[in-house]
N, C-alpha and C. Protein backbone atom coordinates (compact mmCIF):
# COMPACT_ATOMS: atom_id res chain seq x y z
N MET A 1 119.08 154.55 73.42
CA MET A 1 118.35 152.87 73.68
C MET A 1 117.99 152.59 74.23
N LEU A 2 115.85 152.46 74.49
CA LEU A 2 115.76 152.26 75.21
C LEU A 2 115.71 151.03 75.72
N ASP A 3 115.25 150.16 77.25
CA ASP A 3 115.04 148.95 77.29
C ASP A 3 114.03 148.73 77.77
N ASN A 4 113.34 147.81 76.18
CA ASN A 4 112.50 146.69 76.27
C ASN A 4 112.20 145.32 77.32
N SER A 5 112.82 144.88 77.88
CA SER A 5 113.13 143.53 78.15
C SER A 5 111.97 143.54 79.59
N ASP A 6 111.66 144.63 80.52
CA ASP A 6 110.76 144.65 81.31
C ASP A 6 109.39 144.11 80.29
N SER A 7 109.15 144.70 79.37
CA SER A 7 107.83 145.29 78.56
C SER A 7 107.75 143.61 77.87
N CYS A 8 108.33 142.79 77.48
CA CYS A 8 108.72 141.61 76.46
C CYS A 8 108.51 140.60 78.14
N ILE A 9 108.84 140.47 78.45
CA ILE A 9 108.74 140.04 79.75
C ILE A 9 107.52 139.65 79.96
N GLU A 10 106.83 140.87 80.70
CA GLU A 10 105.54 140.88 80.86
C GLU A 10 104.76 140.14 79.92
N SER A 11 104.51 140.44 79.04
CA SER A 11 103.73 140.55 77.54
C SER A 11 104.23 138.62 77.26
N GLU A 12 105.30 138.43 77.11
CA GLU A 12 105.05 136.91 77.35
C GLU A 12 104.41 136.31 78.67
N THR A 13 104.16 136.47 79.35
CA THR A 13 103.39 135.52 80.42
C THR A 13 102.44 136.67 80.52
N MET A 14 101.85 137.41 80.14
CA MET A 14 100.78 137.65 80.19
C MET A 14 99.40 137.00 79.51
N PRO A 15 97.85 136.69 80.23
CA PRO A 15 97.12 135.45 78.82
C PRO A 15 96.81 136.55 77.95
N LEU A 16 96.54 136.54 76.60
CA LEU A 16 95.83 137.28 75.87
C LEU A 16 94.66 137.59 76.48
N VAL A 17 93.56 137.00 76.77
CA VAL A 17 92.04 136.91 77.85
C VAL A 17 92.53 137.34 78.82
N PRO A 18 92.24 138.18 79.42
CA PRO A 18 92.44 138.19 80.98
C PRO A 18 91.67 137.31 82.15
N VAL A 19 91.87 136.82 82.58
CA VAL A 19 91.54 135.41 83.42
C VAL A 19 90.08 136.22 84.18
N GLU A 20 90.26 137.09 84.48
CA GLU A 20 88.70 137.61 84.66
C GLU A 20 87.58 138.49 84.29
N ALA A 21 87.81 138.49 82.46
CA ALA A 21 86.95 138.87 81.64
C ALA A 21 86.21 137.48 81.54
N SER A 22 87.15 136.46 81.06
CA SER A 22 86.64 135.16 80.71
C SER A 22 85.65 135.00 81.49
N ARG A 23 85.63 134.93 83.04
CA ARG A 23 85.07 133.32 83.87
C ARG A 23 83.79 133.98 83.61
N ARG A 24 82.95 133.27 83.47
CA ARG A 24 80.89 133.50 84.04
C ARG A 24 81.11 132.64 85.52
N PRO A 25 80.60 132.96 85.73
CA PRO A 25 80.24 131.86 87.12
C PRO A 25 79.11 130.70 86.39
N LYS A 26 79.39 130.31 86.88
CA LYS A 26 79.67 128.60 86.58
C LYS A 26 77.47 128.23 87.14
N THR A 27 76.87 128.16 86.23
CA THR A 27 75.56 127.14 86.38
C THR A 27 75.44 126.63 87.02
N PRO A 28 74.67 126.01 87.67
CA PRO A 28 75.01 124.57 88.45
C PRO A 28 73.91 123.82 86.72
N LEU A 29 73.63 122.24 87.48
CA LEU A 29 73.19 121.61 86.43
C LEU A 29 71.84 121.87 87.25
N PRO A 30 71.21 121.25 86.58
CA PRO A 30 69.38 121.43 86.61
C PRO A 30 69.10 120.09 87.59
N LYS A 31 69.54 118.92 88.16
CA LYS A 31 69.52 117.87 88.77
C LYS A 31 68.44 116.94 88.58
N LEU A 32 67.34 116.91 88.71
CA LEU A 32 66.37 116.81 88.99
C LEU A 32 66.35 115.97 87.50
N GLN A 33 66.15 116.81 86.35
CA GLN A 33 65.58 116.41 84.61
C GLN A 33 66.99 115.49 84.25
N ILE A 34 68.13 116.20 84.54
CA ILE A 34 69.47 115.05 84.46
C ILE A 34 69.53 114.22 85.22
N CYS A 35 68.67 114.20 85.99
CA CYS A 35 68.70 112.42 86.98
C CYS A 35 67.94 111.98 86.01
N ILE A 36 66.73 112.69 85.56
CA ILE A 36 65.68 111.50 84.46
C ILE A 36 65.99 111.42 83.76
N LEU A 37 67.08 112.11 82.98
CA LEU A 37 67.56 111.14 81.53
C LEU A 37 68.40 110.11 81.88
N MET A 38 69.64 110.71 83.06
CA MET A 38 70.53 109.48 83.00
C MET A 38 69.43 107.93 83.07
N THR A 39 68.33 108.15 83.95
CA THR A 39 67.76 106.68 84.89
C THR A 39 67.32 106.33 83.11
N LEU A 40 66.60 107.01 82.40
CA LEU A 40 66.59 106.59 81.22
C LEU A 40 67.64 105.56 80.03
N GLN A 41 68.97 106.08 80.80
CA GLN A 41 70.24 105.90 80.21
C GLN A 41 70.80 104.50 80.85
N VAL A 42 70.24 104.48 82.12
CA VAL A 42 70.49 102.92 82.79
C VAL A 42 69.34 102.22 82.44
N ALA A 43 68.40 102.26 81.89
CA ALA A 43 67.35 101.61 81.19
C ALA A 43 67.78 101.00 80.19
N GLU A 44 67.72 101.79 79.55
CA GLU A 44 68.91 101.28 77.85
C GLU A 44 69.42 100.59 78.23
N GLY A 45 70.31 100.55 78.95
CA GLY A 45 71.40 100.48 78.58
C GLY A 45 72.06 98.70 79.07
N ILE A 46 71.07 98.64 80.79
CA ILE A 46 71.05 97.23 81.36
C ILE A 46 69.85 96.89 79.83
N ALA A 47 69.01 97.19 79.43
CA ALA A 47 67.90 96.43 77.89
C ALA A 47 69.01 96.02 76.76
N LEU A 48 69.99 96.61 77.12
CA LEU A 48 70.80 96.36 75.37
C LEU A 48 71.88 95.76 76.02
N VAL A 49 72.42 95.32 76.72
CA VAL A 49 73.24 93.82 77.24
C VAL A 49 72.86 92.96 77.95
N SER A 50 72.32 93.24 78.33
CA SER A 50 71.10 91.86 79.23
C SER A 50 70.97 90.61 78.10
N ILE A 51 70.93 91.16 77.18
CA ILE A 51 70.49 89.79 76.26
C ILE A 51 72.30 88.88 75.88
N SER A 52 73.38 89.63 76.34
CA SER A 52 74.38 89.19 75.72
C SER A 52 75.23 87.79 76.86
N PRO A 53 74.83 87.88 78.23
CA PRO A 53 75.40 86.29 78.62
C PRO A 53 74.44 85.59 77.86
N TYR A 54 73.49 84.87 77.24
CA TYR A 54 72.39 84.18 77.18
C TYR A 54 72.21 83.88 75.37
N ILE A 55 72.38 84.44 74.83
CA ILE A 55 72.05 85.27 73.81
C ILE A 55 72.94 83.62 72.74
N ASN A 56 73.78 83.75 72.67
CA ASN A 56 75.43 82.39 72.70
C ASN A 56 74.21 80.79 72.73
N GLN A 57 73.37 80.85 73.74
CA GLN A 57 72.93 79.58 74.63
C GLN A 57 71.47 79.47 73.25
N LEU A 58 70.85 80.91 73.74
CA LEU A 58 69.21 81.20 73.16
C LEU A 58 69.31 80.50 71.60
N ILE A 59 70.66 81.14 70.55
CA ILE A 59 71.13 80.71 68.71
C ILE A 59 71.80 79.08 68.95
N ARG A 60 72.00 78.34 69.83
CA ARG A 60 72.37 77.02 70.15
C ARG A 60 71.56 75.96 70.28
N GLU A 61 70.04 76.28 70.66
CA GLU A 61 69.26 75.51 71.22
C GLU A 61 68.16 75.63 70.17
N LEU A 62 68.00 77.02 70.18
CA LEU A 62 66.70 77.11 68.46
C LEU A 62 66.96 76.45 67.58
N PRO A 63 66.15 76.18 66.40
CA PRO A 63 66.56 75.41 65.71
C PRO A 63 66.88 76.33 64.46
N ILE A 64 68.59 77.29 64.69
CA ILE A 64 68.81 77.80 63.49
C ILE A 64 69.89 77.35 62.96
N THR A 65 70.92 77.66 63.76
CA THR A 65 72.39 76.85 63.27
C THR A 65 72.10 75.80 62.20
N GLY A 66 71.09 74.19 62.85
CA GLY A 66 71.03 73.35 62.25
C GLY A 66 71.97 72.69 63.14
N GLY A 67 72.71 72.56 64.23
CA GLY A 67 73.57 71.66 65.08
C GLY A 67 75.02 72.62 64.84
N ASP A 68 75.16 73.24 63.80
CA ASP A 68 76.22 73.77 63.73
C ASP A 68 77.30 74.66 64.21
N ALA A 69 77.62 74.45 64.90
CA ALA A 69 78.48 75.21 66.45
C ALA A 69 79.45 76.00 66.01
N ALA A 70 80.05 76.23 64.71
CA ALA A 70 80.39 77.73 63.81
C ALA A 70 79.33 78.76 63.27
N ALA A 71 78.69 78.27 63.82
CA ALA A 71 77.39 79.23 62.41
C ALA A 71 77.04 80.37 64.06
N VAL A 72 76.96 79.92 65.26
CA VAL A 72 76.55 80.80 66.13
C VAL A 72 76.40 82.00 66.69
N GLY A 73 77.91 81.69 66.24
CA GLY A 73 78.79 83.37 66.07
C GLY A 73 77.76 84.56 65.41
N TYR A 74 78.00 84.03 63.73
CA TYR A 74 76.92 83.96 62.93
C TYR A 74 75.69 85.40 63.41
N TYR A 75 75.55 83.81 63.51
CA TYR A 75 73.82 84.46 63.75
C TYR A 75 73.56 85.52 65.13
N VAL A 76 74.12 85.65 66.19
CA VAL A 76 74.64 86.13 66.98
C VAL A 76 74.94 87.40 66.59
N GLY A 77 76.38 87.37 65.99
CA GLY A 77 76.20 88.81 65.74
C GLY A 77 75.42 89.73 64.36
N MET A 78 74.67 89.00 63.54
CA MET A 78 73.78 89.41 63.19
C MET A 78 72.18 90.20 64.19
N ILE A 79 71.91 89.26 64.99
CA ILE A 79 70.61 89.17 65.15
C ILE A 79 71.20 90.92 66.63
N GLU A 80 72.86 90.87 67.16
CA GLU A 80 72.71 92.19 67.57
C GLU A 80 73.14 93.05 66.63
N SER A 81 73.14 93.83 65.09
CA SER A 81 73.55 94.65 64.56
C SER A 81 72.45 94.89 64.68
N LEU A 82 71.21 93.65 64.09
CA LEU A 82 69.97 94.76 63.68
C LEU A 82 69.73 95.55 64.61
N LEU A 83 69.80 95.88 65.28
CA LEU A 83 69.19 96.67 66.59
C LEU A 83 70.04 97.77 66.52
N PHE A 84 71.22 98.02 66.54
CA PHE A 84 71.98 99.20 65.85
C PHE A 84 71.84 99.94 64.84
N LEU A 85 71.51 99.00 63.84
CA LEU A 85 70.55 99.48 62.05
C LEU A 85 69.94 99.91 61.75
N THR A 86 68.59 99.11 62.73
CA THR A 86 67.45 99.87 62.31
C THR A 86 67.22 100.97 63.91
N GLN A 87 67.82 101.44 64.63
CA GLN A 87 68.10 103.00 65.54
C GLN A 87 68.84 103.92 64.32
N ALA A 88 69.60 103.34 63.82
CA ALA A 88 70.22 104.07 62.56
C ALA A 88 69.79 104.27 61.69
N LEU A 89 68.60 103.99 61.50
CA LEU A 89 67.81 104.01 60.46
C LEU A 89 66.65 105.24 60.58
N SER A 90 66.21 105.37 62.17
CA SER A 90 65.37 105.60 62.47
C SER A 90 65.41 107.43 63.06
N LEU A 91 66.35 106.98 64.27
CA LEU A 91 66.69 107.98 64.95
C LEU A 91 67.02 109.38 64.49
N PHE A 92 67.02 109.89 63.01
CA PHE A 92 66.79 111.02 62.39
C PHE A 92 65.32 111.31 62.66
N LYS A 93 64.03 110.67 62.49
CA LYS A 93 62.79 110.57 62.46
C LYS A 93 62.30 110.95 63.75
N TRP A 94 62.77 110.88 64.73
CA TRP A 94 62.68 110.49 66.09
C TRP A 94 62.91 111.97 66.53
N SER A 95 64.18 112.58 66.00
CA SER A 95 65.53 114.02 66.12
C SER A 95 63.68 114.75 66.02
N ARG A 96 63.15 114.91 64.74
CA ARG A 96 62.54 115.21 63.85
C ARG A 96 61.28 115.28 64.45
N LEU A 97 60.78 114.22 64.22
CA LEU A 97 59.53 114.27 66.05
C LEU A 97 59.26 115.30 66.77
N SER A 98 60.40 115.02 67.67
CA SER A 98 60.40 114.83 69.51
C SER A 98 60.90 117.38 68.86
N ASP A 99 60.55 117.35 67.74
CA ASP A 99 60.51 119.22 67.26
C ASP A 99 59.74 119.42 67.18
N ARG A 100 58.70 118.49 66.71
CA ARG A 100 57.44 118.69 66.35
C ARG A 100 57.00 118.45 67.75
N ILE A 101 56.56 117.00 68.17
CA ILE A 101 55.92 116.83 69.29
C ILE A 101 56.02 117.74 70.81
N GLY A 102 57.11 117.66 70.93
CA GLY A 102 58.39 117.04 72.26
C GLY A 102 59.29 116.00 72.07
N ARG A 103 60.00 116.42 73.70
CA ARG A 103 61.18 115.47 73.81
C ARG A 103 60.45 114.05 74.35
N LYS A 104 59.42 114.63 75.29
CA LYS A 104 59.18 113.99 76.74
C LYS A 104 58.01 112.77 75.54
N PRO A 105 56.85 113.08 74.89
CA PRO A 105 57.08 111.95 74.40
C PRO A 105 57.41 110.84 73.61
N VAL A 106 57.90 111.38 72.86
CA VAL A 106 59.00 110.55 72.66
C VAL A 106 59.85 109.39 73.05
N LEU A 107 60.49 110.05 74.36
CA LEU A 107 60.46 109.73 75.19
C LEU A 107 60.06 108.28 75.52
N LEU A 108 59.09 108.84 76.33
CA LEU A 108 58.06 107.94 76.81
C LEU A 108 58.10 106.33 75.52
N PHE A 109 57.27 107.51 74.67
CA PHE A 109 57.49 106.64 73.17
C PHE A 109 58.52 105.65 72.98
N GLY A 110 59.75 106.08 73.10
CA GLY A 110 60.75 104.84 72.94
C GLY A 110 61.02 103.81 74.21
N VAL A 111 60.63 104.20 75.28
CA VAL A 111 60.84 103.68 76.06
C VAL A 111 60.23 102.31 76.02
N SER A 112 59.03 102.45 76.10
CA SER A 112 57.10 101.60 75.42
C SER A 112 58.23 101.17 75.02
N GLY A 113 58.50 101.30 73.72
CA GLY A 113 58.49 100.11 72.78
C GLY A 113 60.18 99.48 72.76
N ALA A 114 61.00 100.06 74.01
CA ALA A 114 62.19 99.01 74.21
C ALA A 114 61.54 97.91 75.26
N CYS A 115 60.39 98.35 75.89
CA CYS A 115 59.55 97.58 77.10
C CYS A 115 59.00 96.21 76.11
N VAL A 116 58.61 96.19 74.82
CA VAL A 116 56.74 96.10 74.36
C VAL A 116 58.62 94.38 73.35
N SER A 117 59.54 95.02 72.51
CA SER A 117 60.41 94.35 71.72
C SER A 117 61.22 93.75 72.85
N VAL A 118 61.62 94.07 73.86
CA VAL A 118 62.31 92.80 74.49
C VAL A 118 61.60 91.99 75.28
N LEU A 119 59.87 92.05 75.97
CA LEU A 119 59.57 90.86 76.04
C LEU A 119 58.88 90.18 74.93
N CYS A 120 58.66 90.93 73.15
CA CYS A 120 59.30 89.19 72.80
C CYS A 120 59.58 88.83 72.30
N PHE A 121 60.95 89.74 72.50
CA PHE A 121 62.43 88.94 72.02
C PHE A 121 62.54 87.55 73.42
N GLY A 122 62.20 87.97 74.63
CA GLY A 122 62.13 86.68 75.46
C GLY A 122 61.00 85.77 74.38
N LEU A 123 60.27 85.98 74.06
CA LEU A 123 59.61 85.31 73.67
C LEU A 123 59.55 84.41 72.50
N SER A 124 60.21 84.78 71.34
CA SER A 124 61.11 84.43 70.79
C SER A 124 61.27 82.46 70.61
N THR A 125 60.49 82.53 69.84
CA THR A 125 61.67 80.76 69.18
C THR A 125 61.84 80.95 68.19
N THR A 126 61.85 81.55 67.42
CA THR A 126 62.46 81.18 65.64
C THR A 126 63.93 82.60 65.37
N PHE A 127 64.70 82.22 64.83
CA PHE A 127 65.07 83.33 64.28
C PHE A 127 64.66 84.98 63.72
N TRP A 128 63.25 84.07 62.79
CA TRP A 128 63.13 85.81 62.59
C TRP A 128 62.17 86.38 63.45
N SER A 129 61.73 85.58 64.52
CA SER A 129 60.81 86.63 65.52
C SER A 129 61.76 87.46 66.50
N LEU A 130 63.43 86.38 66.28
CA LEU A 130 64.56 86.96 67.35
C LEU A 130 64.68 88.48 66.53
N ALA A 131 64.98 88.65 65.12
CA ALA A 131 65.01 89.70 64.20
C ALA A 131 64.48 90.77 64.50
N ILE A 132 63.06 90.47 63.89
CA ILE A 132 61.79 91.11 64.08
C ILE A 132 61.76 91.71 65.68
N SER A 133 61.84 91.13 66.73
CA SER A 133 61.49 91.80 68.55
C SER A 133 63.22 92.53 67.88
N ARG A 134 64.04 92.63 67.74
CA ARG A 134 65.89 93.46 67.92
C ARG A 134 64.94 94.46 66.51
N CYS A 135 64.58 94.39 65.43
CA CYS A 135 64.31 95.20 64.11
C CYS A 135 63.54 96.11 65.15
N MET A 136 62.89 95.70 65.62
CA MET A 136 61.31 96.65 66.10
C MET A 136 62.28 98.05 66.96
N TRP A 137 62.57 97.15 68.36
CA TRP A 137 63.84 97.74 69.61
C TRP A 137 64.35 98.72 68.20
N GLY A 138 64.86 98.70 67.67
CA GLY A 138 66.36 99.97 66.98
C GLY A 138 65.00 100.57 66.38
N ALA A 139 63.40 100.62 65.74
CA ALA A 139 62.27 101.46 64.84
C ALA A 139 61.70 102.34 66.03
N LEU A 140 61.21 101.55 66.88
CA LEU A 140 61.23 102.51 68.28
C LEU A 140 61.76 103.56 69.08
N ASP A 141 62.75 102.98 69.08
CA ASP A 141 63.78 103.80 69.86
C ASP A 141 65.04 104.92 69.50
N GLY A 142 64.01 105.86 69.60
CA GLY A 142 65.33 107.04 68.93
C GLY A 142 65.50 108.17 70.25
N ASN A 143 65.61 106.84 71.48
CA ASN A 143 66.34 108.47 72.51
C ASN A 143 67.19 108.35 72.98
N VAL A 144 68.61 107.90 71.97
CA VAL A 144 70.49 108.27 72.40
C VAL A 144 69.68 109.86 71.24
N GLY A 145 68.88 110.54 70.69
CA GLY A 145 69.47 111.79 69.75
C GLY A 145 68.47 112.59 70.97
N VAL A 146 67.09 112.11 70.88
CA VAL A 146 66.35 113.04 71.38
C VAL A 146 67.55 113.43 73.41
N MET A 147 67.86 112.84 73.73
CA MET A 147 68.22 112.85 75.11
C MET A 147 69.52 113.40 75.25
N LYS A 148 70.09 113.07 74.56
CA LYS A 148 71.22 114.08 73.73
C LYS A 148 70.47 115.74 73.98
N THR A 149 69.80 116.12 72.81
CA THR A 149 69.37 117.36 72.69
C THR A 149 69.09 117.59 74.14
N MET A 150 68.17 117.10 74.18
CA MET A 150 67.19 117.26 76.63
C MET A 150 68.95 118.40 76.64
N MET A 151 69.76 117.18 77.15
CA MET A 151 71.06 117.72 78.05
C MET A 151 71.54 118.75 77.26
N GLY A 152 71.31 119.38 75.95
CA GLY A 152 72.07 120.45 75.25
C GLY A 152 70.95 121.26 75.48
N GLU A 153 69.86 121.40 75.72
CA GLU A 153 68.81 122.01 76.22
C GLU A 153 69.13 122.45 77.80
N LEU A 154 68.76 121.51 78.59
CA LEU A 154 69.19 121.55 80.01
C LEU A 154 70.60 122.35 80.91
N THR A 155 71.48 122.73 79.53
CA THR A 155 72.90 122.94 79.62
C THR A 155 73.21 124.17 79.55
N ASP A 156 74.01 124.95 79.66
CA ASP A 156 74.83 126.19 78.41
C ASP A 156 75.95 126.71 78.41
N SER A 157 77.14 126.97 78.20
CA SER A 157 78.06 127.02 77.78
C SER A 157 78.75 126.68 79.56
N THR A 158 78.34 126.97 80.24
CA THR A 158 79.21 127.41 81.87
C THR A 158 79.50 125.24 82.15
N ASN A 159 78.03 124.65 81.98
CA ASN A 159 78.40 122.75 82.55
C ASN A 159 77.70 122.47 81.49
N MET A 160 77.84 122.34 80.21
CA MET A 160 77.60 121.59 79.02
C MET A 160 79.04 120.71 78.72
N ALA A 161 79.75 120.36 79.54
CA ALA A 161 80.64 119.38 79.54
C ALA A 161 80.72 118.84 80.43
N GLN A 162 80.20 119.39 81.78
CA GLN A 162 79.61 118.63 82.51
C GLN A 162 78.70 117.18 82.29
N GLY A 163 77.87 118.01 82.19
CA GLY A 163 76.52 117.43 81.71
C GLY A 163 76.60 116.37 80.38
N PHE A 164 76.86 116.88 79.93
CA PHE A 164 77.17 115.97 78.77
C PHE A 164 78.49 114.72 78.95
N ALA A 165 79.57 115.28 79.72
CA ALA A 165 80.26 113.83 80.92
C ALA A 165 79.97 112.48 80.77
N LEU A 166 78.62 113.22 81.50
CA LEU A 166 77.53 112.55 82.11
C LEU A 166 76.69 110.77 81.24
N PHE A 167 76.86 110.82 79.92
CA PHE A 167 76.81 109.81 78.88
C PHE A 167 77.11 108.51 79.39
N PRO A 168 78.52 108.77 78.68
CA PRO A 168 79.65 107.51 78.64
C PRO A 168 79.91 107.64 80.30
N ILE A 169 79.65 107.92 81.08
CA ILE A 169 80.13 107.13 82.77
C ILE A 169 79.10 106.81 83.02
N VAL A 170 77.54 107.27 82.50
CA VAL A 170 75.71 105.59 82.79
C VAL A 170 75.92 105.29 81.48
N TRP A 171 76.78 105.68 81.14
CA TRP A 171 76.53 103.78 79.72
C TRP A 171 77.30 103.13 80.63
N CYS A 172 78.48 103.95 80.67
CA CYS A 172 78.98 102.67 81.38
C CYS A 172 78.64 101.69 82.89
N ILE A 173 78.18 102.23 83.74
CA ILE A 173 77.83 101.42 84.59
C ILE A 173 76.39 100.23 84.49
N ALA A 174 75.20 101.29 83.88
CA ALA A 174 74.95 100.45 82.94
C ALA A 174 75.37 99.01 82.08
N SER A 175 75.94 99.29 81.13
CA SER A 175 77.21 98.19 81.12
C SER A 175 77.85 97.44 81.83
N PHE A 176 78.15 98.12 82.79
CA PHE A 176 78.64 97.04 83.91
C PHE A 176 77.76 96.30 84.54
N VAL A 177 75.81 97.04 84.63
CA VAL A 177 75.34 96.11 85.39
C VAL A 177 74.17 95.16 84.85
N GLY A 178 74.19 95.70 83.65
CA GLY A 178 73.43 94.62 82.47
C GLY A 178 74.01 93.77 82.38
């Protein structure tokens, strides 16, 4: 009778795929391009959360609620939600457009649209002008999907996890600063 106990133990501790065969050298991240993408992410994050400290007071002081303090939260929630609703509705159109005309023009247009809509929001004196300016930002800014597509194009399988991990880190920093 043959004793296979040594070969059993060896096969149980040996990995199925040899470590040397599965490791490819890690490609370095393209720092300049990713830095530009993350700068855009920071700018958008700061702009998005910058209205949070004063939106309640703005709704309270504008003739929107008619003095009803309980309605302030309702209108604030509506104003905040409109941007994300319109952005969700227009995101795929911006992504398809970036496939046709390129990523950079779409990113530049999105940032420009954000600037104009933030300016319009700051100059608004009625509920409808606030709502339209937030909807305008959401409709003109499809940068979320385009930036993630660009990250996918800038990275490969060896460094993709590190590249995509930057998005939530940068978003948290932008939310904190904003």
